[in-house]
Structure formats: structure tokens, C-alpha cells
Amino acid sequence: MNPATIFKIKGAWDKFSANHPKFPGFLQAAGNGMVEEGSVIDIKITSADGKTIATNVKLTAEDMELFAMLKDLR
């Protein structure tokens, strides 16, 4: 990955975190033992006009490997 892109992403994340301060804390809490193989992640999005979509995923061992790799990128 291009180092300039990494810095752009970092800057965008810092701005997002400042605008939504509860979200990084939520992710940190989820990473402290809440997310494990067999856990279910539910996601729901509500648009500005009230439409919603939702889905969920049950985490597998392969998913946990991906999360470990992403965690190492920090």
C-alpha cells in the first residue's frame, strides 16, 4: 500500500473519530474479548429518509485470522 494513502486514511480516521467519539471506544471494547469465533455481528443502517437494511454474520476461525491481521496493522 502506498504510504501516502496510509497517511490519508489515518487523517480521515482521525477526523471520523473526532466527529463520532463513541465509535472507536465501541470498537476497542469489542476487541477486548467480545469478538470471538462463533460471535454474531449484527449491522443495521437507517438512511436519512428512514429506510433500513440489516444483516448479520457469524464469525468463523478464518474471520478471526483476518481480524488478527487487521489488528496487527495498527
PDB file of N, CA and C in Angstrom:
ATOM      1  N   MET A   1       0.848  -1.172   0.000  1.00  0.00           N
ATOM      2  CA  MET A   1       0.000   0.000   0.000  1.00  0.00           C
ATOM      3  C   MET A   1       0.898   1.241   0.000  1.00  0.00           C
ATOM      4  N   ASN A   2       0.498   2.216  -0.742  1.00  0.00           N
ATOM      5  CA  ASN A   2       1.224   3.468  -0.864  1.00  0.00           C
ATOM      6  C   ASN A   2       1.238   4.201   0.483  1.00  0.00           C
ATOM      7  N   PRO A   3       2.429   4.614   0.973  1.00  0.00           N
ATOM      8  CA  PRO A   3       2.487   5.331   2.260  1.00  0.00           C
ATOM      9  C   PRO A   3       1.626   6.597   2.289  1.00  0.00           C
ATOM     10  N   ALA A   4       1.532   7.294   1.174  1.00  0.00           N
ATOM     11  CA  ALA A   4       0.691   8.496   1.139  1.00  0.00           C
ATOM     12  C   ALA A   4      -0.770   8.138   1.375  1.00  0.00           C
ATOM     13  N   THR A   5      -1.195   7.010   0.844  1.00  0.00           N
ATOM     14  CA  THR A   5      -2.572   6.553   1.046  1.00  0.00           C
ATOM     15  C   THR A   5      -2.808   6.221   2.512  1.00  0.00           C
ATOM     16  N   ILE A   6      -1.822   5.604   3.134  1.00  0.00           N
ATOM     17  CA  ILE A   6      -1.943   5.270   4.559  1.00  0.00           C
ATOM     18  C   ILE A   6      -2.129   6.537   5.386  1.00  0.00           C
ATOM     19  N   PHE A   7      -1.350   7.584   5.081  1.00  0.00           N
ATOM     20  CA  PHE A   7      -1.487   8.851   5.809  1.00  0.00           C
ATOM     21  C   PHE A   7      -2.846   9.492   5.561  1.00  0.00           C
ATOM     22  N   LYS A   8      -3.362   9.381   4.332  1.00  0.00           N
ATOM     23  CA  LYS A   8      -4.696   9.916   4.033  1.00  0.00           C
ATOM     24  C   LYS A   8      -5.762   9.199   4.844  1.00  0.00           C
ATOM     25  N   ILE A   9      -5.662   7.877   4.875  1.00  0.00           N
ATOM     26  CA  ILE A   9      -6.629   7.073   5.625  1.00  0.00           C
ATOM     27  C   ILE A   9      -6.538   7.423   7.114  1.00  0.00           C
ATOM     28  N   LYS A  10      -5.317   7.560   7.632  1.00  0.00           N
ATOM     29  CA  LYS A  10      -5.135   7.906   9.045  1.00  0.00           C
ATOM     30  C   LYS A  10      -5.781   9.250   9.349  1.00  0.00           C
ATOM     31  N   GLY A  11      -5.582  10.233   8.476  1.00  0.00           N
ATOM     32  CA  GLY A  11      -6.187  11.548   8.680  1.00  0.00           C
ATOM     33  C   GLY A  11      -7.701  11.490   8.650  1.00  0.00           C
ATOM     34  N   ALA A  12      -8.243  10.714   7.702  1.00  0.00           N
ATOM     35  CA  ALA A  12      -9.699  10.564   7.602  1.00  0.00           C
ATOM     36  C   ALA A  12     -10.243   9.857   8.842  1.00  0.00           C
ATOM     37  N   TRP A  13      -9.526   8.832   9.333  1.00  0.00           N
ATOM     38  CA  TRP A  13      -9.965   8.130  10.540  1.00  0.00           C
ATOM     39  C   TRP A  13      -9.944   9.060  11.749  1.00  0.00           C
ATOM     40  N   ASP A  14      -8.890   9.873  11.866  1.00  0.00           N
ATOM     41  CA  ASP A  14      -8.803  10.813  12.990  1.00  0.00           C
ATOM     42  C   ASP A  14      -9.986  11.786  12.979  1.00  0.00           C
ATOM     43  N   LYS A  15     -10.345  12.269  11.795  1.00  0.00           N
ATOM     44  CA  LYS A  15     -11.479  13.191  11.675  1.00  0.00           C
ATOM     45  C   LYS A  15     -12.787  12.470  12.011  1.00  0.00           C
ATOM     46  N   PHE A  16     -12.960  11.247  11.491  1.00  0.00           N
ATOM     47  CA  PHE A  16     -14.153  10.444  11.778  1.00  0.00           C
ATOM     48  C   PHE A  16     -14.267  10.214  13.289  1.00  0.00           C
ATOM     49  N   SER A  17     -13.145   9.856  13.920  1.00  0.00           N
ATOM     50  CA  SER A  17     -13.132   9.594  15.360  1.00  0.00           C
ATOM     51  C   SER A  17     -13.509  10.830  16.160  1.00  0.00           C
ATOM     52  N   ALA A  18     -13.040  11.997  15.702  1.00  0.00           N
ATOM     53  CA  ALA A  18     -13.384  13.242  16.387  1.00  0.00           C
ATOM     54  C   ALA A  18     -14.878  13.553  16.238  1.00  0.00           C
ATOM     55  N   ASN A  19     -15.439  13.251  15.084  1.00  0.00           N
ATOM     56  CA  ASN A  19     -16.856  13.507  14.843  1.00  0.00           C
ATOM     57  C   ASN A  19     -17.768  12.493  15.528  1.00  0.00           C
ATOM     58  N   HIS A  20     -17.261  11.294  15.763  1.00  0.00           N
ATOM     59  CA  HIS A  20     -18.059  10.199  16.345  1.00  0.00           C
ATOM     60  C   HIS A  20     -17.253   9.534  17.465  1.00  0.00           C
ATOM     61  N   PRO A  21     -17.037  10.223  18.579  1.00  0.00           N
ATOM     62  CA  PRO A  21     -16.110   9.733  19.608  1.00  0.00           C
ATOM     63  C   PRO A  21     -16.509   8.423  20.275  1.00  0.00           C
ATOM     64  N   LYS A  22     -17.760   8.035  20.241  1.00  0.00           N
ATOM     65  CA  LYS A  22     -18.174   6.782  20.878  1.00  0.00           C
ATOM     66  C   LYS A  22     -17.780   5.556  20.042  1.00  0.00           C
ATOM     67  N   PHE A  23     -17.649   5.737  18.723  1.00  0.00           N
ATOM     68  CA  PHE A  23     -17.407   4.591  17.849  1.00  0.00           C
ATOM     69  C   PHE A  23     -16.046   3.924  18.084  1.00  0.00           C
ATOM     70  N   PRO A  24     -14.949   4.661  18.168  1.00  0.00           N
ATOM     71  CA  PRO A  24     -13.671   3.988  18.441  1.00  0.00           C
ATOM     72  C   PRO A  24     -13.682   3.244  19.779  1.00  0.00           C
ATOM     73  N   GLY A  25     -14.338   3.805  20.781  1.00  0.00           N
ATOM     74  CA  GLY A  25     -14.456   3.119  22.063  1.00  0.00           C
ATOM     75  C   GLY A  25     -15.245   1.825  21.949  1.00  0.00           C
ATOM     76  N   PHE A  26     -16.284   1.868  21.128  1.00  0.00           N
ATOM     77  CA  PHE A  26     -17.069   0.668  20.873  1.00  0.00           C
ATOM     78  C   PHE A  26     -16.196  -0.407  20.231  1.00  0.00           C
ATOM     79  N   LEU A  27     -15.424  -0.022  19.218  1.00  0.00           N
ATOM     80  CA  LEU A  27     -14.542  -0.991  18.552  1.00  0.00           C
ATOM     81  C   LEU A  27     -13.503  -1.545  19.512  1.00  0.00           C
ATOM     82  N   GLN A  28     -12.970  -0.688  20.367  1.00  0.00           N
ATOM     83  CA  GLN A  28     -11.978  -1.138  21.337  1.00  0.00           C
ATOM     84  C   GLN A  28     -12.595  -2.131  22.322  1.00  0.00           C
ATOM     85  N   ALA A  29     -13.796  -1.836  22.802  1.00  0.00           N
ATOM     86  CA  ALA A  29     -14.477  -2.749  23.725  1.00  0.00           C
ATOM     87  C   ALA A  29     -14.783  -4.075  23.041  1.00  0.00           C
ATOM     88  N   ALA A  30     -15.182  -4.020  21.783  1.00  0.00           N
ATOM     89  CA  ALA A  30     -15.479  -5.246  21.030  1.00  0.00           C
ATOM     90  C   ALA A  30     -14.226  -6.092  20.867  1.00  0.00           C
ATOM     91  N   GLY A  31     -13.083  -5.439  20.718  1.00  0.00           N
ATOM     92  CA  GLY A  31     -11.828  -6.156  20.538  1.00  0.00           C
ATOM     93  C   GLY A  31     -11.264  -6.736  21.815  1.00  0.00           C
ATOM     94  N   ASN A  32     -11.837  -6.380  22.950  1.00  0.00           N
ATOM     95  CA  ASN A  32     -11.358  -6.885  24.244  1.00  0.00           C
ATOM     96  C   ASN A  32     -12.171  -8.089  24.696  1.00  0.00           C
ATOM     97  N   GLY A  33     -12.194  -9.123  23.864  1.00  0.00           N
ATOM     98  CA  GLY A  33     -12.820 -10.370  24.254  1.00  0.00           C
ATOM     99  C   GLY A  33     -14.252 -10.565  23.806  1.00  0.00           C
ATOM    100  N   MET A  34     -14.891  -9.541  23.267  1.00  0.00           N
ATOM    101  CA  MET A  34     -16.273  -9.692  22.804  1.00  0.00           C
ATOM    102  C   MET A  34     -16.341 -10.425  21.473  1.00  0.00           C
ATOM    103  N   VAL A  35     -15.354 -10.177  20.619  1.00  0.00           N
ATOM    104  CA  VAL A  35     -15.363 -10.767  19.288  1.00  0.00           C
ATOM    105  C   VAL A  35     -14.519 -12.034  19.319  1.00  0.00           C
ATOM    106  N   GLU A  36     -15.195 -13.158  19.133  1.00  0.00           N
ATOM    107  CA  GLU A  36     -14.514 -14.451  19.104  1.00  0.00           C
ATOM    108  C   GLU A  36     -15.249 -15.352  18.130  1.00  0.00           C
ATOM    109  N   GLU A  37     -14.617 -16.450  17.776  1.00  0.00           N
ATOM    110  CA  GLU A  37     -15.255 -17.390  16.860  1.00  0.00           C
ATOM    111  C   GLU A  37     -16.617 -17.787  17.409  1.00  0.00           C
ATOM    112  N   GLY A  38     -17.621 -17.736  16.552  1.00  0.00           N
ATOM    113  CA  GLY A  38     -18.981 -18.059  16.951  1.00  0.00           C
ATOM    114  C   GLY A  38     -19.814 -16.840  17.336  1.00  0.00           C
ATOM    115  N   SER A  39     -19.150 -15.690  17.577  1.00  0.00           N
ATOM    116  CA  SER A  39     -19.886 -14.456  17.870  1.00  0.00           C
ATOM    117  C   SER A  39     -20.682 -14.040  16.639  1.00  0.00           C
ATOM    118  N   VAL A  40     -21.767 -13.331  16.858  1.00  0.00           N
ATOM    119  CA  VAL A  40     -22.593 -12.823  15.759  1.00  0.00           C
ATOM    120  C   VAL A  40     -22.514 -11.301  15.777  1.00  0.00           C
ATOM    121  N   ILE A  41     -22.198 -10.732  14.610  1.00  0.00           N
ATOM    122  CA  ILE A  41     -22.183  -9.285  14.453  1.00  0.00           C
ATOM    123  C   ILE A  41     -23.422  -8.903  13.660  1.00  0.00           C
ATOM    124  N   ASP A  42     -24.276  -8.065  14.256  1.00  0.00           N
ATOM    125  CA  ASP A  42     -25.475  -7.547  13.591  1.00  0.00           C
ATOM    126  C   ASP A  42     -25.193  -6.133  13.128  1.00  0.00           C
ATOM    127  N   ILE A  43     -25.582  -5.823  11.909  1.00  0.00           N
ATOM    128  CA  ILE A  43     -25.396  -4.482  11.368  1.00  0.00           C
ATOM    129  C   ILE A  43     -26.727  -3.994  10.810  1.00  0.00           C
ATOM    130  N   LYS A  44     -27.094  -2.766  11.192  1.00  0.00           N
ATOM    131  CA  LYS A  44     -28.330  -2.152  10.697  1.00  0.00           C
ATOM    132  C   LYS A  44     -27.994  -0.734  10.258  1.00  0.00           C
ATOM    133  N   ILE A  45     -28.473  -0.353   9.086  1.00  0.00           N
ATOM    134  CA  ILE A  45     -28.277   1.000   8.575  1.00  0.00           C
ATOM    135  C   ILE A  45     -29.648   1.612   8.332  1.00  0.00           C
ATOM    136  N   THR A  46     -29.835   2.815   8.852  1.00  0.00           N
ATOM    137  CA  THR A  46     -31.066   3.575   8.622  1.00  0.00           C
ATOM    138  C   THR A  46     -30.691   4.832   7.846  1.00  0.00           C
ATOM    139  N   SER A  47     -31.261   4.989   6.648  1.00  0.00           N
ATOM    140  CA  SER A  47     -30.959   6.160   5.829  1.00  0.00           C
ATOM    141  C   SER A  47     -31.652   7.387   6.395  1.00  0.00           C
ATOM    142  N   ALA A  48     -31.279   8.542   5.871  1.00  0.00           N
ATOM    143  CA  ALA A  48     -31.865   9.801   6.339  1.00  0.00           C
ATOM    144  C   ALA A  48     -33.378   9.827   6.130  1.00  0.00           C
ATOM    145  N   ASP A  49     -33.865   9.111   5.109  1.00  0.00           N
ATOM    146  CA  ASP A  49     -35.313   9.107   4.859  1.00  0.00           C
ATOM    147  C   ASP A  49     -36.032   7.947   5.549  1.00  0.00           C
ATOM    148  N   GLY A  50     -35.331   7.225   6.452  1.00  0.00           N
ATOM    149  CA  GLY A  50     -35.973   6.210   7.269  1.00  0.00           C
ATOM    150  C   GLY A  50     -35.939   4.786   6.735  1.00  0.00           C
ATOM    151  N   LYS A  51     -35.372   4.572   5.558  1.00  0.00           N
ATOM    152  CA  LYS A  51     -35.262   3.199   5.039  1.00  0.00           C
ATOM    153  C   LYS A  51     -34.174   2.459   5.810  1.00  0.00           C
ATOM    154  N   THR A  52     -34.384   1.160   6.040  1.00  0.00           N
ATOM    155  CA  THR A  52     -33.397   0.384   6.777  1.00  0.00           C
ATOM    156  C   THR A  52     -33.020  -0.883   6.022  1.00  0.00           C
ATOM    157  N   ILE A  53     -31.785  -1.292   6.230  1.00  0.00           N
ATOM    158  CA  ILE A  53     -31.321  -2.609   5.806  1.00  0.00           C
ATOM    159  C   ILE A  53     -30.563  -3.189   6.988  1.00  0.00           C
ATOM    160  N   ALA A  54     -30.553  -4.507   7.087  1.00  0.00           N
ATOM    161  CA  ALA A  54     -29.856  -5.152   8.197  1.00  0.00           C
ATOM    162  C   ALA A  54     -29.323  -6.496   7.744  1.00  0.00           C
ATOM    163  N   THR A  55     -28.254  -6.920   8.383  1.00  0.00           N
ATOM    164  CA  THR A  55     -27.679  -8.234   8.126  1.00  0.00           C
ATOM    165  C   THR A  55     -26.900  -8.662   9.361  1.00  0.00           C
ATOM    166  N   ASN A  56     -26.450  -9.900   9.365  1.00  0.00           N
ATOM    167  CA  ASN A  56     -25.584 -10.361  10.439  1.00  0.00           C
ATOM    168  C   ASN A  56     -24.630 -11.412   9.897  1.00  0.00           C
ATOM    169  N   VAL A  57     -23.522 -11.591  10.605  1.00  0.00           N
ATOM    170  CA  VAL A  57     -22.543 -12.613  10.248  1.00  0.00           C
ATOM    171  C   VAL A  57     -22.126 -13.346  11.521  1.00  0.00           C
ATOM    172  N   LYS A  58     -22.002 -14.648  11.404  1.00  0.00           N
ATOM    173  CA  LYS A  58     -21.467 -15.455  12.500  1.00  0.00           C
ATOM    174  C   LYS A  58     -19.994 -15.685  12.187  1.00  0.00           C
ATOM    175  N   LEU A  59     -19.130 -15.286  13.099  1.00  0.00           N
ATOM    176  CA  LEU A  59     -17.697 -15.294  12.837  1.00  0.00           C
ATOM    177  C   LEU A  59     -17.112 -16.704  12.849  1.00  0.00           C
ATOM    178  N   THR A  60     -16.238 -16.936  11.875  1.00  0.00           N
ATOM    179  CA  THR A  60     -15.555 -18.221  11.736  1.00  0.00           C
ATOM    180  C   THR A  60     -14.091 -18.069  12.149  1.00  0.00           C
ATOM    181  N   ALA A  61     -13.370 -19.172  12.188  1.00  0.00           N
ATOM    182  CA  ALA A  61     -11.944 -19.132  12.505  1.00  0.00           C
ATOM    183  C   ALA A  61     -11.199 -18.296  11.469  1.00  0.00           C
ATOM    184  N   GLU A  62     -11.587 -18.411  10.205  1.00  0.00           N
ATOM    185  CA  GLU A  62     -10.948 -17.623   9.149  1.00  0.00           C
ATOM    186  C   GLU A  62     -11.185 -16.125   9.353  1.00  0.00           C
ATOM    187  N   ASP A  63     -12.388 -15.759   9.795  1.00  0.00           N
ATOM    188  CA  ASP A  63     -12.687 -14.358  10.089  1.00  0.00           C
ATOM    189  C   ASP A  63     -11.769 -13.849  11.196  1.00  0.00           C
ATOM    190  N   MET A  64     -11.549 -14.673  12.196  1.00  0.00           N
ATOM    191  CA  MET A  64     -10.706 -14.271  13.315  1.00  0.00           C
ATOM    192  C   MET A  64      -9.266 -14.062  12.859  1.00  0.00           C
ATOM    193  N   GLU A  65      -8.803 -14.866  11.893  1.00  0.00           N
ATOM    194  CA  GLU A  65      -7.463 -14.671  11.338  1.00  0.00           C
ATOM    195  C   GLU A  65      -7.371 -13.311  10.650  1.00  0.00           C
ATOM    196  N   LEU A  66      -8.401 -12.955   9.891  1.00  0.00           N
ATOM    197  CA  LEU A  66      -8.437 -11.648   9.227  1.00  0.00           C
ATOM    198  C   LEU A  66      -8.396 -10.526  10.258  1.00  0.00           C
ATOM    199  N   PHE A  67      -9.193 -10.616  11.312  1.00  0.00           N
ATOM    200  CA  PHE A  67      -9.220  -9.588  12.344  1.00  0.00           C
ATOM    201  C   PHE A  67      -7.856  -9.460  13.018  1.00  0.00           C
ATOM    202  N   ALA A  68      -7.181 -10.593  13.235  1.00  0.00           N
ATOM    203  CA  ALA A  68      -5.847 -10.559  13.841  1.00  0.00           C
ATOM    204  C   ALA A  68      -4.865  -9.823  12.927  1.00  0.00           C
ATOM    205  N   MET A  69      -4.952 -10.068  11.628  1.00  0.00           N
ATOM    206  CA  MET A  69      -4.088  -9.365  10.683  1.00  0.00           C
ATOM    207  C   MET A  69      -4.364  -7.869  10.678  1.00  0.00           C
ATOM    208  N   LEU A  70      -5.644  -7.494  10.691  1.00  0.00           N
ATOM    209  CA  LEU A  70      -6.009  -6.079  10.699  1.00  0.00           C
ATOM    210  C   LEU A  70      -5.551  -5.408  11.993  1.00  0.00           C
ATOM    211  N   LYS A  71      -5.661  -6.127  13.100  1.00  0.00           N
ATOM    212  CA  LYS A  71      -5.229  -5.586  14.383  1.00  0.00           C
ATOM    213  C   LYS A  71      -3.729  -5.317  14.372  1.00  0.00           C
ATOM    214  N   ASP A  72      -2.971  -6.202  13.707  1.00  0.00           N
ATOM    215  CA  ASP A  72      -1.510  -6.039  13.619  1.00  0.00           C
ATOM    216  C   ASP A  72      -1.120  -4.821  12.788  1.00  0.00           C
ATOM    217  N   LEU A  73      -2.020  -4.351  11.916  1.00  0.00           N
ATOM    218  CA  LEU A  73      -1.733  -3.171  11.091  1.00  0.00           C
ATOM    219  C   LEU A  73      -1.709  -1.892  11.899  1.00  0.00           C
ATOM    220  N   ARG A  74      -2.378  -1.912  13.057  1.00  0.00           N
ATOM    221  CA  ARG A  74      -2.419  -0.691  13.886  1.00  0.00           C
ATOM    222  C   ARG A  74      -1.061  -0.350  14.263  1.00  0.00           C
TER     223      ARG A  74
END
